[in-house]
Each structure stands twice: as C-alpha cells, then as structure tokens.
Amino acid sequence: MLFKFKSQATSDLIMLEADARRLLKIILGDDPVKGIVQSNDLSRAIAALESAVAQDESDRKQGAEKAQTLISGEDDESVPLNTVSLAQRAAPMLKLLKRCLLEKSDVVWGV
C-alpha cells in the first residue's frame, strides 16, 4: 500500500506504507491511514522528526563503534549498518514539512 501526502505548497509525496507509518508515528504518536497536520502544528512535527533523526544517527554511530570492538562471529543486536537510515527516509518528508511551514499550508494524506 502507498501513502500519498498532499499540500498546496508542494507536489505530492508518495511513500511505501512501512516508511510512511514509521514517520507518522514519530510525528503524531500514531499512524492513521488518513489525516492532516495543520499549518500551526508543523513546527512541532518538524522538531519531532529532526529529534528522531538525530537519535537514530547517534544510535547508528554507537552501533558502528560497537561493531568495531566485537570479536568476529559474535551476534550483534544493533541495527545493521547497511540499512537505509532514518535521515534518508525522512529527508523528503522534512523538505515537504518545512516548505509547508513557510507557506502556511496544511499537509493531508491518505492511501
């Protein structure tokens, strides 16, 4: 399933369901199939997403340092380093949210 994010300020942003739900959970605390982020809530949404990205980057850095100190063959429970980072997944959404904030435009989405 695909999620389509729309705004009068930008072109549509289409994301795979898993990625969209992950970002919506960060921004809103839940992941509704349809919804809206009003322009007066965009600052909070941007801050929440940027904070999650910073935390993910910190976790990935610690995971890389930990991986360097592990003896080969041991299991590591951290996130694999070759996965796509939250920063990469969130970049288009952050761009959309920041543009909407500048133009005071709501963001809506649906499936």
PDB file of N, CA and C in Angstrom:
ATOM      1  N   MET A   1       0.840  -1.154   0.000  1.00  0.00           N
ATOM      2  CA  MET A   1       0.000   0.000   0.000  1.00  0.00           C
ATOM      3  C   MET A   1       0.903   1.241   0.000  1.00  0.00           C
ATOM      4  N   LEU A   2       0.451   2.278  -0.647  1.00  0.00           N
ATOM      5  CA  LEU A   2       1.188   3.530  -0.713  1.00  0.00           C
ATOM      6  C   LEU A   2       0.442   4.626   0.046  1.00  0.00           C
ATOM      7  N   PHE A   3       1.181   5.518   0.648  1.00  0.00           N
ATOM      8  CA  PHE A   3       0.617   6.705   1.270  1.00  0.00           C
ATOM      9  C   PHE A   3       0.947   7.885   0.380  1.00  0.00           C
ATOM     10  N   LYS A   4      -0.022   8.769   0.191  1.00  0.00           N
ATOM     11  CA  LYS A   4       0.190   9.967  -0.613  1.00  0.00           C
ATOM     12  C   LYS A   4      -0.029  11.193   0.269  1.00  0.00           C
ATOM     13  N   PHE A   5       1.032  11.982   0.437  1.00  0.00           N
ATOM     14  CA  PHE A   5       0.978  13.208   1.221  1.00  0.00           C
ATOM     15  C   PHE A   5       0.781  14.368   0.256  1.00  0.00           C
ATOM     16  N   LYS A   6      -0.190  15.227   0.547  1.00  0.00           N
ATOM     17  CA  LYS A   6      -0.532  16.333  -0.341  1.00  0.00           C
ATOM     18  C   LYS A   6      -0.523  17.655   0.405  1.00  0.00           C
ATOM     19  N   SER A   7      -0.210  18.699  -0.342  1.00  0.00           N
ATOM     20  CA  SER A   7      -0.241  20.048   0.192  1.00  0.00           C
ATOM     21  C   SER A   7      -0.364  21.019  -0.974  1.00  0.00           C
ATOM     22  N   GLN A   8      -0.913  22.179  -0.701  1.00  0.00           N
ATOM     23  CA  GLN A   8      -0.993  23.203  -1.742  1.00  0.00           C
ATOM     24  C   GLN A   8       0.371  23.828  -2.007  1.00  0.00           C
ATOM     25  N   ALA A   9       1.311  23.650  -1.091  1.00  0.00           N
ATOM     26  CA  ALA A   9       2.628  24.280  -1.205  1.00  0.00           C
ATOM     27  C   ALA A   9       3.631  23.444  -1.995  1.00  0.00           C
ATOM     28  N   THR A  10       3.395  22.134  -2.115  1.00  0.00           N
ATOM     29  CA  THR A  10       4.369  21.255  -2.753  1.00  0.00           C
ATOM     30  C   THR A  10       3.682  20.241  -3.654  1.00  0.00           C
ATOM     31  N   SER A  11       4.494  19.518  -4.381  1.00  0.00           N
ATOM     32  CA  SER A  11       3.953  18.398  -5.147  1.00  0.00           C
ATOM     33  C   SER A  11       3.701  17.238  -4.183  1.00  0.00           C
ATOM     34  N   ASP A  12       2.992  16.227  -4.653  1.00  0.00           N
ATOM     35  CA  ASP A  12       2.666  15.079  -3.807  1.00  0.00           C
ATOM     36  C   ASP A  12       3.926  14.300  -3.437  1.00  0.00           C
ATOM     37  N   LEU A  13       3.908  13.729  -2.246  1.00  0.00           N
ATOM     38  CA  LEU A  13       4.972  12.858  -1.775  1.00  0.00           C
ATOM     39  C   LEU A  13       4.352  11.482  -1.577  1.00  0.00           C
ATOM     40  N   ILE A  14       4.860  10.495  -2.294  1.00  0.00           N
ATOM     41  CA  ILE A  14       4.341   9.137  -2.211  1.00  0.00           C
ATOM     42  C   ILE A  14       5.376   8.267  -1.517  1.00  0.00           C
ATOM     43  N   MET A  15       4.920   7.528  -0.499  1.00  0.00           N
ATOM     44  CA  MET A  15       5.815   6.669   0.286  1.00  0.00           C
ATOM     45  C   MET A  15       5.204   5.289   0.438  1.00  0.00           C
ATOM     46  N   LEU A  16       6.074   4.315   0.604  1.00  0.00           N
ATOM     47  CA  LEU A  16       5.621   2.978   0.943  1.00  0.00           C
ATOM     48  C   LEU A  16       5.001   2.999   2.336  1.00  0.00           C
ATOM     49  N   GLU A  17       4.084   2.095   2.575  1.00  0.00           N
ATOM     50  CA  GLU A  17       3.326   2.089   3.830  1.00  0.00           C
ATOM     51  C   GLU A  17       4.219   2.016   5.063  1.00  0.00           C
ATOM     52  N   ALA A  18       5.175   1.123   5.075  1.00  0.00           N
ATOM     53  CA  ALA A  18       6.015   0.943   6.264  1.00  0.00           C
ATOM     54  C   ALA A  18       6.784   2.214   6.607  1.00  0.00           C
ATOM     55  N   ASP A  19       7.332   2.860   5.592  1.00  0.00           N
ATOM     56  CA  ASP A  19       8.092   4.097   5.824  1.00  0.00           C
ATOM     57  C   ASP A  19       7.172   5.227   6.277  1.00  0.00           C
ATOM     58  N   ALA A  20       6.018   5.360   5.631  1.00  0.00           N
ATOM     59  CA  ALA A  20       5.071   6.413   5.988  1.00  0.00           C
ATOM     60  C   ALA A  20       4.567   6.227   7.412  1.00  0.00           C
ATOM     61  N   ARG A  21       4.238   4.995   7.773  1.00  0.00           N
ATOM     62  CA  ARG A  21       3.740   4.730   9.123  1.00  0.00           C
ATOM     63  C   ARG A  21       4.813   5.031  10.173  1.00  0.00           C
ATOM     64  N   ARG A  22       6.053   4.709   9.870  1.00  0.00           N
ATOM     65  CA  ARG A  22       7.146   4.994  10.804  1.00  0.00           C
ATOM     66  C   ARG A  22       7.273   6.506  11.033  1.00  0.00           C
ATOM     67  N   LEU A  23       7.227   7.283   9.955  1.00  0.00           N
ATOM     68  CA  LEU A  23       7.349   8.734  10.085  1.00  0.00           C
ATOM     69  C   LEU A  23       6.135   9.338  10.779  1.00  0.00           C
ATOM     70  N   LEU A  24       4.941   8.850  10.458  1.00  0.00           N
ATOM     71  CA  LEU A  24       3.738   9.368  11.102  1.00  0.00           C
ATOM     72  C   LEU A  24       3.732   9.062  12.599  1.00  0.00           C
ATOM     73  N   LYS A  25       4.237   7.895  12.958  1.00  0.00           N
ATOM     74  CA  LYS A  25       4.306   7.539  14.377  1.00  0.00           C
ATOM     75  C   LYS A  25       5.247   8.500  15.116  1.00  0.00           C
ATOM     76  N   ILE A  26       6.336   8.888  14.475  1.00  0.00           N
ATOM     77  CA  ILE A  26       7.273   9.848  15.071  1.00  0.00           C
ATOM     78  C   ILE A  26       6.619  11.228  15.188  1.00  0.00           C
ATOM     79  N   ILE A  27       5.955  11.650  14.131  1.00  0.00           N
ATOM     80  CA  ILE A  27       5.374  12.992  14.080  1.00  0.00           C
ATOM     81  C   ILE A  27       4.150  13.123  14.984  1.00  0.00           C
ATOM     82  N   LEU A  28       3.268  12.125  14.936  1.00  0.00           N
ATOM     83  CA  LEU A  28       1.980  12.231  15.612  1.00  0.00           C
ATOM     84  C   LEU A  28       1.819  11.352  16.845  1.00  0.00           C
ATOM     85  N   GLY A  29       2.652  10.335  16.965  1.00  0.00           N
ATOM     86  CA  GLY A  29       2.478   9.388  18.044  1.00  0.00           C
ATOM     87  C   GLY A  29       1.610   8.213  17.645  1.00  0.00           C
ATOM     88  N   ASP A  30       0.948   8.297  16.516  1.00  0.00           N
ATOM     89  CA  ASP A  30       0.192   7.183  15.956  1.00  0.00           C
ATOM     90  C   ASP A  30       0.344   7.233  14.438  1.00  0.00           C
ATOM     91  N   ASP A  31      -0.310   6.332  13.733  1.00  0.00           N
ATOM     92  CA  ASP A  31      -0.132   6.288  12.291  1.00  0.00           C
ATOM     93  C   ASP A  31      -1.462   6.075  11.562  1.00  0.00           C
ATOM     94  N   PRO A  32      -2.321   7.083  11.587  1.00  0.00           N
ATOM     95  CA  PRO A  32      -3.614   6.943  10.921  1.00  0.00           C
ATOM     96  C   PRO A  32      -3.465   6.827   9.406  1.00  0.00           C
ATOM     97  N   VAL A  33      -4.403   6.094   8.790  1.00  0.00           N
ATOM     98  CA  VAL A  33      -4.368   5.900   7.347  1.00  0.00           C
ATOM     99  C   VAL A  33      -4.694   7.203   6.621  1.00  0.00           C
ATOM    100  N   LYS A  34      -5.553   8.022   7.207  1.00  0.00           N
ATOM    101  CA  LYS A  34      -5.887   9.330   6.639  1.00  0.00           C
ATOM    102  C   LYS A  34      -5.738  10.366   7.732  1.00  0.00           C
ATOM    103  N   GLY A  35      -5.340  11.552   7.346  1.00  0.00           N
ATOM    104  CA  GLY A  35      -5.210  12.575   8.371  1.00  0.00           C
ATOM    105  C   GLY A  35      -4.712  13.900   7.836  1.00  0.00           C
ATOM    106  N   ILE A  36      -4.415  14.781   8.775  1.00  0.00           N
ATOM    107  CA  ILE A  36      -3.968  16.127   8.442  1.00  0.00           C
ATOM    108  C   ILE A  36      -3.029  16.631   9.536  1.00  0.00           C
ATOM    109  N   VAL A  37      -2.023  17.366   9.109  1.00  0.00           N
ATOM    110  CA  VAL A  37      -1.200  18.146  10.032  1.00  0.00           C
ATOM    111  C   VAL A  37      -1.456  19.590   9.640  1.00  0.00           C
ATOM    112  N   GLN A  38      -2.083  20.326  10.540  1.00  0.00           N
ATOM    113  CA  GLN A  38      -2.404  21.707  10.237  1.00  0.00           C
ATOM    114  C   GLN A  38      -1.152  22.565  10.304  1.00  0.00           C
ATOM    115  N   SER A  39      -1.192  23.680   9.605  1.00  0.00           N
ATOM    116  CA  SER A  39      -0.011  24.535   9.489  1.00  0.00           C
ATOM    117  C   SER A  39       0.513  24.998  10.845  1.00  0.00           C
ATOM    118  N   ASN A  40      -0.363  25.196  11.835  1.00  0.00           N
ATOM    119  CA  ASN A  40       0.111  25.650  13.148  1.00  0.00           C
ATOM    120  C   ASN A  40       0.776  24.527  13.949  1.00  0.00           C
ATOM    121  N   ASP A  41       0.672  23.271  13.501  1.00  0.00           N
ATOM    122  CA  ASP A  41       1.324  22.139  14.163  1.00  0.00           C
ATOM    123  C   ASP A  41       2.601  21.691  13.451  1.00  0.00           C
ATOM    124  N   LEU A  42       2.951  22.336  12.358  1.00  0.00           N
ATOM    125  CA  LEU A  42       4.101  21.904  11.561  1.00  0.00           C
ATOM    126  C   LEU A  42       5.429  22.056  12.297  1.00  0.00           C
ATOM    127  N   SER A  43       5.592  23.110  13.073  1.00  0.00           N
ATOM    128  CA  SER A  43       6.849  23.303  13.810  1.00  0.00           C
ATOM    129  C   SER A  43       7.120  22.147  14.753  1.00  0.00           C
ATOM    130  N   ARG A  44       6.081  21.713  15.463  1.00  0.00           N
ATOM    131  CA  ARG A  44       6.207  20.587  16.385  1.00  0.00           C
ATOM    132  C   ARG A  44       6.517  19.297  15.628  1.00  0.00           C
ATOM    133  N   ALA A  45       5.882  19.099  14.487  1.00  0.00           N
ATOM    134  CA  ALA A  45       6.119  17.899  13.681  1.00  0.00           C
ATOM    135  C   ALA A  45       7.559  17.868  13.162  1.00  0.00           C
ATOM    136  N   ILE A  46       8.055  18.997  12.707  1.00  0.00           N
ATOM    137  CA  ILE A  46       9.432  19.088  12.210  1.00  0.00           C
ATOM    138  C   ILE A  46      10.414  18.808  13.338  1.00  0.00           C
ATOM    139  N   ALA A  47      10.175  19.406  14.491  1.00  0.00           N
ATOM    140  CA  ALA A  47      11.072  19.205  15.645  1.00  0.00           C
ATOM    141  C   ALA A  47      11.098  17.738  16.065  1.00  0.00           C
ATOM    142  N   ALA A  48       9.948  17.088  16.081  1.00  0.00           N
ATOM    143  CA  ALA A  48       9.881  15.673  16.471  1.00  0.00           C
ATOM    144  C   ALA A  48      10.648  14.803  15.482  1.00  0.00           C
ATOM    145  N   LEU A  49      10.494  15.080  14.211  1.00  0.00           N
ATOM    146  CA  LEU A  49      11.177  14.291  13.188  1.00  0.00           C
ATOM    147  C   LEU A  49      12.682  14.533  13.214  1.00  0.00           C
ATOM    148  N   GLU A  50      13.098  15.779  13.358  1.00  0.00           N
ATOM    149  CA  GLU A  50      14.531  16.083  13.434  1.00  0.00           C
ATOM    150  C   GLU A  50      15.170  15.462  14.673  1.00  0.00           C
ATOM    151  N   SER A  51      14.446  15.455  15.782  1.00  0.00           N
ATOM    152  CA  SER A  51      14.949  14.831  17.004  1.00  0.00           C
ATOM    153  C   SER A  51      15.122  13.322  16.814  1.00  0.00           C
ATOM    154  N   ALA A  52      14.159  12.683  16.184  1.00  0.00           N
ATOM    155  CA  ALA A  52      14.247  11.238  15.925  1.00  0.00           C
ATOM    156  C   ALA A  52      15.394  10.918  14.979  1.00  0.00           C
ATOM    157  N   VAL A  53      15.613  11.758  13.988  1.00  0.00           N
ATOM    158  CA  VAL A  53      16.722  11.557  13.049  1.00  0.00           C
ATOM    159  C   VAL A  53      18.057  11.676  13.794  1.00  0.00           C
ATOM    160  N   ALA A  54      18.184  12.676  14.646  1.00  0.00           N
ATOM    161  CA  ALA A  54      19.420  12.861  15.414  1.00  0.00           C
ATOM    162  C   ALA A  54      19.669  11.666  16.336  1.00  0.00           C
ATOM    163  N   GLN A  55      18.618  11.167  16.979  1.00  0.00           N
ATOM    164  CA  GLN A  55      18.753  10.000  17.852  1.00  0.00           C
ATOM    165  C   GLN A  55      19.161   8.766  17.054  1.00  0.00           C
ATOM    166  N   ASP A  56      18.560   8.589  15.876  1.00  0.00           N
ATOM    167  CA  ASP A  56      18.902   7.449  15.023  1.00  0.00           C
ATOM    168  C   ASP A  56      20.361   7.521  14.574  1.00  0.00           C
ATOM    169  N   GLU A  57      20.823   8.702  14.207  1.00  0.00           N
ATOM    170  CA  GLU A  57      22.214   8.871  13.793  1.00  0.00           C
ATOM    171  C   GLU A  57      23.165   8.551  14.943  1.00  0.00           C
ATOM    172  N   SER A  58      22.798   8.987  16.143  1.00  0.00           N
ATOM    173  CA  SER A  58      23.616   8.691  17.322  1.00  0.00           C
ATOM    174  C   SER A  58      23.662   7.184  17.579  1.00  0.00           C
ATOM    175  N   ASP A  59      22.511   6.525  17.486  1.00  0.00           N
ATOM    176  CA  ASP A  59      22.448   5.074  17.687  1.00  0.00           C
ATOM    177  C   ASP A  59      23.271   4.330  16.642  1.00  0.00           C
ATOM    178  N   ARG A  60      23.207   4.788  15.403  1.00  0.00           N
ATOM    179  CA  ARG A  60      23.967   4.145  14.332  1.00  0.00           C
ATOM    180  C   ARG A  60      25.468   4.319  14.550  1.00  0.00           C
ATOM    181  N   LYS A  61      25.864   5.498  15.029  1.00  0.00           N
ATOM    182  CA  LYS A  61      27.284   5.745  15.289  1.00  0.00           C
ATOM    183  C   LYS A  61      27.779   4.849  16.417  1.00  0.00           C
ATOM    184  N   GLN A  62      26.985   4.738  17.477  1.00  0.00           N
ATOM    185  CA  GLN A  62      27.354   3.856  18.585  1.00  0.00           C
ATOM    186  C   GLN A  62      27.400   2.406  18.121  1.00  0.00           C
ATOM    187  N   GLY A  63      26.483   2.019  17.256  1.00  0.00           N
ATOM    188  CA  GLY A  63      26.478   0.660  16.715  1.00  0.00           C
ATOM    189  C   GLY A  63      27.723   0.374  15.904  1.00  0.00           C
ATOM    190  N   ALA A  64      28.168   1.362  15.141  1.00  0.00           N
ATOM    191  CA  ALA A  64      29.380   1.197  14.335  1.00  0.00           C
ATOM    192  C   ALA A  64      30.600   1.058  15.237  1.00  0.00           C
ATOM    193  N   GLU A  65      30.652   1.865  16.287  1.00  0.00           N
ATOM    194  CA  GLU A  65      31.777   1.771  17.225  1.00  0.00           C
ATOM    195  C   GLU A  65      31.765   0.430  17.948  1.00  0.00           C
ATOM    196  N   LYS A  66      30.597  -0.023  18.318  1.00  0.00           N
ATOM    197  CA  LYS A  66      30.471  -1.302  18.999  1.00  0.00           C
ATOM    198  C   LYS A  66      30.878  -2.444  18.069  1.00  0.00           C
ATOM    199  N   ALA A  67      30.488  -2.349  16.808  1.00  0.00           N
ATOM    200  CA  ALA A  67      30.812  -3.394  15.838  1.00  0.00           C
ATOM    201  C   ALA A  67      32.319  -3.510  15.640  1.00  0.00           C
ATOM    202  N   GLN A  68      33.024  -2.415  15.742  1.00  0.00           N
ATOM    203  CA  GLN A  68      34.475  -2.440  15.572  1.00  0.00           C
ATOM    204  C   GLN A  68      35.170  -3.138  16.731  1.00  0.00           C
ATOM    205  N   THR A  69      34.534  -3.119  17.909  1.00  0.00           N
ATOM    206  CA  THR A  69      35.167  -3.722  19.079  1.00  0.00           C
ATOM    207  C   THR A  69      34.761  -5.177  19.297  1.00  0.00           C
ATOM    208  N   LEU A  70      33.749  -5.641  18.573  1.00  0.00           N
ATOM    209  CA  LEU A  70      33.297  -7.030  18.744  1.00  0.00           C
ATOM    210  C   LEU A  70      34.276  -8.014  18.107  1.00  0.00           C
ATOM    211  N   ILE A  71      34.394  -9.145  18.710  1.00  0.00           N
ATOM    212  CA  ILE A  71      35.178 -10.231  18.110  1.00  0.00           C
ATOM    213  C   ILE A  71      34.332 -10.825  17.006  1.00  0.00           C
ATOM    214  N   SER A  72      34.931 -11.075  15.858  1.00  0.00           N
ATOM    215  CA  SER A  72      34.157 -11.601  14.732  1.00  0.00           C
ATOM    216  C   SER A  72      33.498 -12.919  15.119  1.00  0.00           C
ATOM    217  N   GLY A  73      32.254 -13.080  14.639  1.00  0.00           N
ATOM    218  CA  GLY A  73      31.497 -14.282  14.939  1.00  0.00           C
ATOM    219  C   GLY A  73      30.473 -14.097  16.035  1.00  0.00           C
ATOM    220  N   GLU A  74      30.596 -13.061  16.832  1.00  0.00           N
ATOM    221  CA  GLU A  74      29.601 -12.817  17.878  1.00  0.00           C
ATOM    222  C   GLU A  74      28.374 -12.164  17.270  1.00  0.00           C
ATOM    223  N   ASP A  75      27.229 -12.427  17.864  1.00  0.00           N
ATOM    224  CA  ASP A  75      25.989 -11.808  17.403  1.00  0.00           C
ATOM    225  C   ASP A  75      25.925 -10.373  17.901  1.00  0.00           C
ATOM    226  N   ASP A  76      25.443  -9.503  17.037  1.00  0.00           N
ATOM    227  CA  ASP A  76      25.262  -8.102  17.398  1.00  0.00           C
ATOM    228  C   ASP A  76      23.778  -7.782  17.238  1.00  0.00           C
ATOM    229  N   GLU A  77      23.149  -7.272  18.268  1.00  0.00           N
ATOM    230  CA  GLU A  77      21.726  -6.987  18.230  1.00  0.00           C
ATOM    231  C   GLU A  77      21.419  -5.582  17.732  1.00  0.00           C
ATOM    232  N   SER A  78      22.416  -4.808  17.340  1.00  0.00           N
ATOM    233  CA  SER A  78      22.171  -3.456  16.870  1.00  0.00           C
ATOM    234  C   SER A  78      21.643  -3.482  15.437  1.00  0.00           C
ATOM    235  N   VAL A  79      21.194  -2.315  14.971  1.00  0.00           N
ATOM    236  CA  VAL A  79      20.676  -2.184  13.623  1.00  0.00           C
ATOM    237  C   VAL A  79      21.812  -2.393  12.630  1.00  0.00           C
ATOM    238  N   PRO A  80      21.604  -3.217  11.596  1.00  0.00           N
ATOM    239  CA  PRO A  80      22.656  -3.406  10.601  1.00  0.00           C
ATOM    240  C   PRO A  80      23.050  -2.071   9.959  1.00  0.00           C
ATOM    241  N   LEU A  81      24.333  -1.896   9.744  1.00  0.00           N
ATOM    242  CA  LEU A  81      24.827  -0.615   9.233  1.00  0.00           C
ATOM    243  C   LEU A  81      24.524  -0.408   7.754  1.00  0.00           C
ATOM    244  N   ASN A  82      24.167  -1.463   7.053  1.00  0.00           N
ATOM    245  CA  ASN A  82      23.914  -1.320   5.626  1.00  0.00           C
ATOM    246  C   ASN A  82      22.452  -1.001   5.321  1.00  0.00           C
ATOM    247  N   THR A  83      21.629  -0.782   6.336  1.00  0.00           N
ATOM    248  CA  THR A  83      20.233  -0.426   6.111  1.00  0.00           C
ATOM    249  C   THR A  83      20.121   1.065   5.799  1.00  0.00           C
ATOM    250  N   VAL A  84      18.987   1.430   5.220  1.00  0.00           N
ATOM    251  CA  VAL A  84      18.733   2.833   4.911  1.00  0.00           C
ATOM    252  C   VAL A  84      18.429   3.553   6.221  1.00  0.00           C
ATOM    253  N   SER A  85      19.090   4.652   6.448  1.00  0.00           N
ATOM    254  CA  SER A  85      18.932   5.377   7.708  1.00  0.00           C
ATOM    255  C   SER A  85      17.615   6.151   7.751  1.00  0.00           C
ATOM    256  N   LEU A  86      17.212   6.494   8.958  1.00  0.00           N
ATOM    257  CA  LEU A  86      16.018   7.306   9.133  1.00  0.00           C
ATOM    258  C   LEU A  86      16.202   8.667   8.464  1.00  0.00           C
ATOM    259  N   ALA A  87      17.408   9.204   8.505  1.00  0.00           N
ATOM    260  CA  ALA A  87      17.667  10.502   7.869  1.00  0.00           C
ATOM    261  C   ALA A  87      17.359  10.451   6.374  1.00  0.00           C
ATOM    262  N   GLN A  88      17.718   9.350   5.732  1.00  0.00           N
ATOM    263  CA  GLN A  88      17.446   9.209   4.306  1.00  0.00           C
ATOM    264  C   GLN A  88      15.949   9.065   4.040  1.00  0.00           C
ATOM    265  N   ARG A  89      15.275   8.298   4.875  1.00  0.00           N
ATOM    266  CA  ARG A  89      13.826   8.104   4.710  1.00  0.00           C
ATOM    267  C   ARG A  89      13.053   9.381   5.010  1.00  0.00           C
ATOM    268  N   ALA A  90      13.522  10.150   5.982  1.00  0.00           N
ATOM    269  CA  ALA A  90      12.787  11.326   6.436  1.00  0.00           C
ATOM    270  C   ALA A  90      13.075  12.583   5.609  1.00  0.00           C
ATOM    271  N   ALA A  91      14.137  12.587   4.825  1.00  0.00           N
ATOM    272  CA  ALA A  91      14.533  13.795   4.086  1.00  0.00           C
ATOM    273  C   ALA A  91      13.409  14.369   3.220  1.00  0.00           C
ATOM    274  N   PRO A  92      12.727  13.571   2.401  1.00  0.00           N
ATOM    275  CA  PRO A  92      11.638  14.156   1.597  1.00  0.00           C
ATOM    276  C   PRO A  92      10.500  14.707   2.455  1.00  0.00           C
ATOM    277  N   MET A  93      10.192  14.017   3.550  1.00  0.00           N
ATOM    278  CA  MET A  93       9.115  14.479   4.432  1.00  0.00           C
ATOM    279  C   MET A  93       9.511  15.783   5.116  1.00  0.00           C
ATOM    280  N   LEU A  94      10.745  15.884   5.579  1.00  0.00           N
ATOM    281  CA  LEU A  94      11.204  17.125   6.207  1.00  0.00           C
ATOM    282  C   LEU A  94      11.157  18.286   5.219  1.00  0.00           C
ATOM    283  N   LYS A  95      11.551  18.024   3.999  1.00  0.00           N
ATOM    284  CA  LYS A  95      11.514  19.062   2.970  1.00  0.00           C
ATOM    285  C   LYS A  95      10.076  19.531   2.746  1.00  0.00           C
ATOM    286  N   LEU A  96       9.148  18.581   2.665  1.00  0.00           N
ATOM    287  CA  LEU A  96       7.737  18.914   2.476  1.00  0.00           C
ATOM    288  C   LEU A  96       7.207  19.718   3.661  1.00  0.00           C
ATOM    289  N   LEU A  97       7.501  19.272   4.874  1.00  0.00           N
ATOM    290  CA  LEU A  97       7.002  19.956   6.067  1.00  0.00           C
ATOM    291  C   LEU A  97       7.557  21.375   6.194  1.00  0.00           C
ATOM    292  N   LYS A  98       8.839  21.537   5.905  1.00  0.00           N
ATOM    293  CA  LYS A  98       9.449  22.872   6.000  1.00  0.00           C
ATOM    294  C   LYS A  98       8.879  23.826   4.956  1.00  0.00           C
ATOM    295  N   ARG A  99       8.639  23.325   3.767  1.00  0.00           N
ATOM    296  CA  ARG A  99       8.051  24.161   2.714  1.00  0.00           C
ATOM    297  C   ARG A  99       6.630  24.565   3.101  1.00  0.00           C
ATOM    298  N   CYS A 100       5.876  23.622   3.648  1.00  0.00           N
ATOM    299  CA  CYS A 100       4.510  23.913   4.077  1.00  0.00           C
ATOM    300  C   CYS A 100       4.498  24.918   5.225  1.00  0.00           C
ATOM    301  N   LEU A 101       5.479  24.832   6.115  1.00  0.00           N
ATOM    302  CA  LEU A 101       5.587  25.784   7.210  1.00  0.00           C
ATOM    303  C   LEU A 101       5.811  27.196   6.673  1.00  0.00           C
ATOM    304  N   LEU A 102       6.703  27.326   5.692  1.00  0.00           N
ATOM    305  CA  LEU A 102       6.971  28.638   5.104  1.00  0.00           C
ATOM    306  C   LEU A 102       5.743  29.232   4.448  1.00  0.00           C
ATOM    307  N   GLU A 103       4.956  28.379   3.802  1.00  0.00           N
ATOM    308  CA  GLU A 103       3.782  28.863   3.055  1.00  0.00           C
ATOM    309  C   GLU A 103       2.485  28.722   3.852  1.00  0.00           C
ATOM    310  N   LYS A 104       2.597  28.321   5.113  1.00  0.00           N
ATOM    311  CA  LYS A 104       1.440  28.165   5.993  1.00  0.00           C
ATOM    312  C   LYS A 104       0.353  27.301   5.337  1.00  0.00           C
ATOM    313  N   SER A 105       0.767  26.122   4.908  1.00  0.00           N
ATOM    314  CA  SER A 105      -0.133  25.214   4.219  1.00  0.00           C
ATOM    315  C   SER A 105      -0.239  23.905   5.003  1.00  0.00           C
ATOM    316  N   ASP A 106      -1.428  23.355   5.094  1.00  0.00           N
ATOM    317  CA  ASP A 106      -1.652  22.081   5.771  1.00  0.00           C
ATOM    318  C   ASP A 106      -1.110  20.921   4.921  1.00  0.00           C
ATOM    319  N   VAL A 107      -0.839  19.804   5.594  1.00  0.00           N
ATOM    320  CA  VAL A 107      -0.443  18.575   4.915  1.00  0.00           C
ATOM    321  C   VAL A 107      -1.519  17.545   5.199  1.00  0.00           C
ATOM    322  N   VAL A 108      -2.020  16.923   4.142  1.00  0.00           N
ATOM    323  CA  VAL A 108      -3.015  15.861   4.289  1.00  0.00           C
ATOM    324  C   VAL A 108      -2.478  14.603   3.643  1.00  0.00           C
ATOM    325  N   TRP A 109      -2.991  13.465   4.080  1.00  0.00           N
ATOM    326  CA  TRP A 109      -2.559  12.212   3.482  1.00  0.00           C
ATOM    327  C   TRP A 109      -3.689  11.207   3.504  1.00  0.00           C
ATOM    328  N   GLY A 110      -3.532  10.248   2.646  1.00  0.00           N
ATOM    329  CA  GLY A 110      -4.458   9.127   2.563  1.00  0.00           C
ATOM    330  C   GLY A 110      -3.798   8.025   1.774  1.00  0.00           C
ATOM    331  N   VAL A 111      -4.518   6.930   1.662  1.00  0.00           N
ATOM    332  CA  VAL A 111      -3.978   5.759   0.971  1.00  0.00           C
ATOM    333  C   VAL A 111      -4.483   5.770  -0.460  1.00  0.00           C
TER     334      VAL A 111
END
